[in-house]
N, C-alpha and C. Protein backbone atom coordinates (compact mmCIF):
# COMPACT_ATOMS: atom_id res chain seq x y z
N MET A 1 1.20 -1.23 0.38
CA MET A 1 0.20 0.01 -0.11
C MET A 1 1.24 1.54 -0.29
N SER A 2 0.66 1.72 -1.25
CA SER A 2 1.58 3.14 -0.91
C SER A 2 0.98 4.51 -0.13
N ASN A 3 1.91 6.05 -0.07
CA ASN A 3 1.09 6.43 0.98
C ASN A 3 0.04 7.29 0.38
N TYR A 4 -0.14 7.30 -0.67
CA TYR A 4 -0.96 7.74 -1.67
C TYR A 4 -2.52 7.34 -0.62
N GLU A 5 -2.80 5.49 -0.65
CA GLU A 5 -3.93 4.68 -0.58
C GLU A 5 -3.96 5.29 0.60
N ALA A 6 -2.61 5.29 1.34
CA ALA A 6 -2.87 5.45 3.24
C ALA A 6 -3.60 6.77 3.51
N PHE A 7 -3.29 7.62 2.98
CA PHE A 7 -3.52 9.36 3.14
C PHE A 7 -4.71 9.32 2.79
N ARG A 8 -5.11 8.39 1.49
CA ARG A 8 -6.63 8.79 0.89
C ARG A 8 -7.44 7.97 2.21
N LYS A 9 -7.31 6.94 2.69
CA LYS A 9 -7.73 5.75 3.24
C LYS A 9 -8.37 6.52 4.80
N VAL A 10 -6.82 7.47 5.76
CA VAL A 10 -7.81 7.93 6.75
C VAL A 10 -8.20 9.24 6.69
N GLN A 11 -7.90 9.78 5.63
CA GLN A 11 -8.56 10.98 4.78
C GLN A 11 -10.21 10.38 4.56
N LYS A 12 -10.62 9.29 4.05
CA LYS A 12 -12.26 9.18 4.02
C LYS A 12 -12.55 8.74 5.22
N ILE A 13 -11.85 8.04 6.47
CA ILE A 13 -12.50 8.38 7.94
C ILE A 13 -12.32 9.08 8.08
N VAL A 14 -11.58 10.01 7.86
CA VAL A 14 -11.95 11.83 8.57
C VAL A 14 -13.31 11.77 8.40
N MET A 15 -13.45 12.07 7.47
CA MET A 15 -14.62 12.96 6.50
C MET A 15 -15.80 11.76 7.03
N PHE A 16 -15.89 10.46 7.08
CA PHE A 16 -16.74 10.15 7.89
C PHE A 16 -17.22 10.07 9.14
N SER A 17 -16.15 9.71 9.45
CA SER A 17 -17.09 10.65 11.51
C SER A 17 -16.95 12.17 11.34
N LEU A 18 -16.92 13.02 10.42
CA LEU A 18 -17.17 14.49 10.73
C LEU A 18 -18.49 14.96 10.59
N VAL A 19 -18.50 13.66 9.22
CA VAL A 19 -19.73 13.59 8.73
C VAL A 19 -21.26 12.80 10.22
N GLY A 20 -20.59 12.37 10.58
CA GLY A 20 -21.26 11.80 11.98
C GLY A 20 -21.28 12.57 13.32
N PHE A 21 -20.21 13.30 13.06
CA PHE A 21 -20.48 13.80 14.48
C PHE A 21 -21.04 15.53 13.90
N ALA A 22 -21.26 15.45 12.66
CA ALA A 22 -22.26 17.08 12.13
C ALA A 22 -23.36 16.21 12.34
N ILE A 23 -23.79 15.00 12.27
CA ILE A 23 -25.04 14.19 12.81
C ILE A 23 -25.92 14.16 13.80
N VAL A 24 -24.48 13.55 14.82
CA VAL A 24 -25.08 13.56 16.03
C VAL A 24 -25.43 15.39 16.88
N PHE A 25 -24.43 16.08 16.26
CA PHE A 25 -24.60 17.78 17.00
C PHE A 25 -26.07 17.82 16.67
N VAL A 26 -26.49 18.11 15.48
CA VAL A 26 -27.38 18.34 15.05
C VAL A 26 -28.47 17.57 15.96
N VAL A 27 -28.79 16.33 15.33
CA VAL A 27 -29.95 15.17 16.28
C VAL A 27 -29.41 15.76 17.98
N ALA A 28 -28.54 16.20 18.40
CA ALA A 28 -28.59 16.86 19.90
C ALA A 28 -28.93 17.71 19.77
N ILE A 29 -28.93 19.45 19.77
CA ILE A 29 -29.64 20.23 19.16
C ILE A 29 -31.34 20.20 18.70
N CYS A 30 -31.38 19.41 17.88
CA CYS A 30 -32.81 19.67 17.40
C CYS A 30 -33.63 19.28 18.99
N SER A 31 -32.85 18.12 19.58
CA SER A 31 -32.92 17.29 21.04
C SER A 31 -33.73 18.63 22.04
N PHE A 32 -32.41 19.24 22.43
CA PHE A 32 -32.85 20.03 23.10
C PHE A 32 -34.12 21.13 23.36
N ILE A 33 -33.46 21.44 21.72
CA ILE A 33 -34.94 22.17 21.73
C ILE A 33 -36.14 22.15 21.09
N SER A 34 -36.46 19.93 21.59
CA SER A 34 -37.79 19.73 21.83
C SER A 34 -38.26 20.06 22.98
N LEU A 35 -37.01 19.90 23.84
CA LEU A 35 -37.26 19.59 25.29
C LEU A 35 -37.40 20.91 26.05
N GLY A 36 -37.17 21.77 25.66
CA GLY A 36 -37.65 23.13 26.03
C GLY A 36 -38.53 23.54 25.82
N ASN A 37 -39.23 23.04 24.27
CA ASN A 37 -40.85 23.44 23.89
C ASN A 37 -41.57 22.40 24.78
N ALA A 38 -41.31 21.10 25.03
CA ALA A 38 -41.98 20.21 26.02
C ALA A 38 -41.58 20.63 27.68
N ARG A 39 -40.94 21.55 28.42
CA ARG A 39 -40.48 21.92 29.35
C ARG A 39 -41.84 23.26 28.91
N ARG A 40 -42.00 24.10 28.62
CA ARG A 40 -42.71 25.45 28.54
C ARG A 40 -44.01 25.00 28.45
N LYS A 41 -44.06 23.68 27.98
CA LYS A 41 -45.30 23.39 27.81
C LYS A 41 -46.28 22.86 29.06
N SER A 42 -45.12 21.61 29.48
CA SER A 42 -45.49 21.71 31.13
C SER A 42 -45.97 22.32 32.03
N ALA A 43 -44.93 23.49 31.50
CA ALA A 43 -45.27 24.81 32.51
C ALA A 43 -46.22 25.58 32.19
N ASN A 44 -47.44 25.68 30.97
CA ASN A 44 -48.79 26.63 30.98
C ASN A 44 -49.41 25.82 31.24
N TYR A 45 -48.78 23.76 31.02
CA TYR A 45 -50.28 22.96 31.87
C TYR A 45 -49.95 22.51 33.36
N ASP A 46 -49.37 23.60 33.77
CA ASP A 46 -49.46 23.23 35.22
C ASP A 46 -50.22 24.34 36.40
N ALA A 47 -49.56 25.29 35.44
CA ALA A 47 -50.84 26.74 35.52
C ALA A 47 -52.03 27.11 35.31
N LEU A 48 -52.62 26.15 33.99
CA LEU A 48 -53.95 26.17 33.97
C LEU A 48 -54.37 24.42 34.88
N ILE A 49 -53.87 23.79 35.25
CA ILE A 49 -54.28 23.03 36.42
C ILE A 49 -54.92 23.93 37.52
N THR A 50 -53.21 24.38 37.78
CA THR A 50 -53.53 25.31 39.29
C THR A 50 -54.50 26.28 39.04
N SER A 51 -54.82 26.65 37.87
CA SER A 51 -56.22 28.21 37.99
C SER A 51 -57.25 27.13 38.12
N LEU A 52 -57.12 26.19 37.31
CA LEU A 52 -58.79 25.31 37.14
C LEU A 52 -59.09 24.37 38.80
N GLN A 53 -57.90 24.52 39.64
CA GLN A 53 -58.20 23.83 40.39
C GLN A 53 -58.86 24.63 41.67
N LYS A 54 -58.12 26.14 41.42
CA LYS A 54 -58.71 27.00 42.26
C LYS A 54 -60.30 26.62 41.84
N GLN A 55 -60.32 27.46 40.64
CA GLN A 55 -62.12 27.71 40.14
C GLN A 55 -62.87 26.63 40.47
N GLU A 56 -62.32 25.82 40.47
CA GLU A 56 -63.13 24.22 41.02
C GLU A 56 -63.73 24.86 42.57
N ALA A 57 -62.73 25.30 42.80
CA ALA A 57 -63.03 25.06 44.85
C ALA A 57 -63.68 26.19 45.10
N GLU A 58 -63.70 27.29 44.64
CA GLU A 58 -64.63 28.74 43.97
C GLU A 58 -66.00 27.91 43.64
N LEU A 59 -65.97 27.21 42.84
CA LEU A 59 -67.07 27.11 42.43
C LEU A 59 -67.99 25.79 43.56
N LYS A 60 -66.98 24.66 44.10
CA LYS A 60 -67.60 24.03 45.16
C LYS A 60 -67.92 25.10 46.74
N ALA A 61 -67.42 26.12 46.77
CA ALA A 61 -68.00 26.65 47.59
C ALA A 61 -69.47 27.17 47.34
N GLY A 62 -69.25 27.63 45.85
CA GLY A 62 -70.80 28.85 45.63
C GLY A 62 -71.71 27.90 45.47
N VAL A 63 -71.41 26.21 44.98
CA VAL A 63 -72.90 25.48 45.20
C VAL A 63 -72.83 25.31 47.08
N GLU A 64 -72.27 25.28 47.87
CA GLU A 64 -72.38 24.48 49.28
C GLU A 64 -73.12 26.04 49.55
N ASN A 65 -72.83 26.73 49.35
CA ASN A 65 -73.81 28.66 50.32
C ASN A 65 -75.04 28.14 48.80
N VAL A 66 -75.16 28.33 47.74
CA VAL A 66 -76.93 28.01 47.51
C VAL A 66 -77.30 26.77 47.71
N SER A 67 -76.85 26.02 48.15
CA SER A 67 -77.67 24.72 48.35
C SER A 67 -78.17 25.07 50.03
N SER A 68 -77.32 25.88 50.71
CA SER A 68 -77.77 25.70 52.46
C SER A 68 -78.79 25.92 52.76
N PRO A 69 -79.41 25.91 53.79
CA PRO A 69 -80.89 26.40 53.68
C PRO A 69 -81.17 27.21 54.47
N ALA A 70 -80.17 28.51 54.89
CA ALA A 70 -80.12 30.04 54.73
C ALA A 70 -80.39 30.72 53.92
N TYR A 71 -79.71 30.40 52.67
CA TYR A 71 -80.06 30.63 51.10
C TYR A 71 -80.83 30.19 50.39
N LEU A 72 -81.88 28.66 50.46
CA LEU A 72 -82.78 29.16 50.11
C LEU A 72 -83.50 29.37 50.63
N GLU A 73 -84.13 29.99 51.93
CA GLU A 73 -84.66 30.89 52.73
C GLU A 73 -84.78 31.55 52.30
N GLU A 74 -83.61 33.28 52.30
CA GLU A 74 -83.66 34.06 52.51
C GLU A 74 -84.64 34.36 50.29
N GLN A 75 -84.09 33.56 49.39
CA GLN A 75 -84.60 33.25 48.21
C GLN A 75 -86.10 33.23 48.15
N ALA A 76 -86.28 32.43 49.19
CA ALA A 76 -87.62 32.38 49.32
C ALA A 76 -88.64 33.28 49.06
N ARG A 77 -88.06 34.52 50.91
CA ARG A 77 -88.55 35.17 50.95
C ARG A 77 -88.40 36.55 50.14
N ASN A 78 -87.11 36.81 49.49
CA ASN A 78 -87.33 38.17 48.85
C ASN A 78 -87.16 37.40 47.56
N GLN A 79 -87.27 36.44 46.61
CA GLN A 79 -87.49 36.42 45.12
C GLN A 79 -88.83 36.19 45.14
N TYR A 80 -89.69 35.50 45.79
CA TYR A 80 -90.68 35.06 45.94
C TYR A 80 -92.43 35.69 46.79
N GLY A 81 -91.55 36.43 47.79
CA GLY A 81 -92.71 36.45 49.37
C GLY A 81 -93.03 35.12 49.80
N MET A 82 -92.53 34.48 50.03
CA MET A 82 -93.35 33.21 50.68
C MET A 82 -92.72 33.93 52.44
N LEU A 83 -93.56 33.23 53.00
CA LEU A 83 -93.33 33.12 54.23
C LEU A 83 -93.49 31.90 55.60
N LYS A 84 -92.99 31.93 57.05
CA LYS A 84 -92.73 30.57 57.19
C LYS A 84 -94.24 30.27 57.89
N GLU A 85 -94.74 28.90 58.36
CA GLU A 85 -96.11 28.97 58.85
C GLU A 85 -95.89 29.75 60.30
N GLY A 86 -96.96 30.77 60.55
CA GLY A 86 -97.52 31.28 61.32
C GLY A 86 -96.93 32.85 61.24
N GLU A 87 -96.35 33.60 60.25
CA GLU A 87 -95.61 34.75 60.02
C GLU A 87 -97.04 35.34 59.05
N THR A 88 -97.25 36.76 59.48
CA THR A 88 -97.75 37.77 59.41
C THR A 88 -97.39 38.23 58.22
N LEU A 89 -97.97 38.52 56.81
CA LEU A 89 -97.42 39.61 56.11
C LEU A 89 -97.65 41.25 56.39
N TYR A 90 -97.60 42.21 56.49
CA TYR A 90 -98.67 43.90 56.40
C TYR A 90 -97.75 44.12 55.08
N ILE A 91 -98.20 44.78 54.29
CA ILE A 91 -98.14 46.03 53.35
C ILE A 91 -98.34 47.24 53.93
N TYR A 92 -97.76 48.43 53.91
CA TYR A 92 -97.89 49.71 54.11
C TYR A 92 -98.30 50.16 52.81
N THR A 93 -99.42 51.53 52.98
CA THR A 93 -98.80 51.91 52.06
C THR A 93 -98.65 53.42 51.93
N ASN A 94 -98.36 53.86 51.23
CA ASN A 94 -99.12 55.88 51.62
C ASN A 94 -99.63 56.59 51.54
N GLN A 95 -100.69 56.91 51.98
CA GLN A 95 -101.85 57.03 52.19
C GLN A 95 -102.13 58.29 52.55
N GLN A 96 -102.22 59.29 51.38
CA GLN A 96 -102.75 60.82 51.41
C GLN A 96 -104.09 61.33 51.23
């Protein structure tokens, strides 16, 4: 094997190694970019979950308030003019 053939063989090995390194480097960069996007989406979803959990707690508290006997009695009196048994309704009019 001549020096030229040995040089060409080493040259091919170096070229293939550089191409392989470039491919691995590009794949690694793409992976890091994808990982960053995934982390950002995860953070957004975590914030959304926290917000929805807070909203759920507020709605549950509202449902408990609305279904309480005191609230129902207040609505029956104010909205529908209902009275408890034994109560008397007096209506005052301004007569001149």
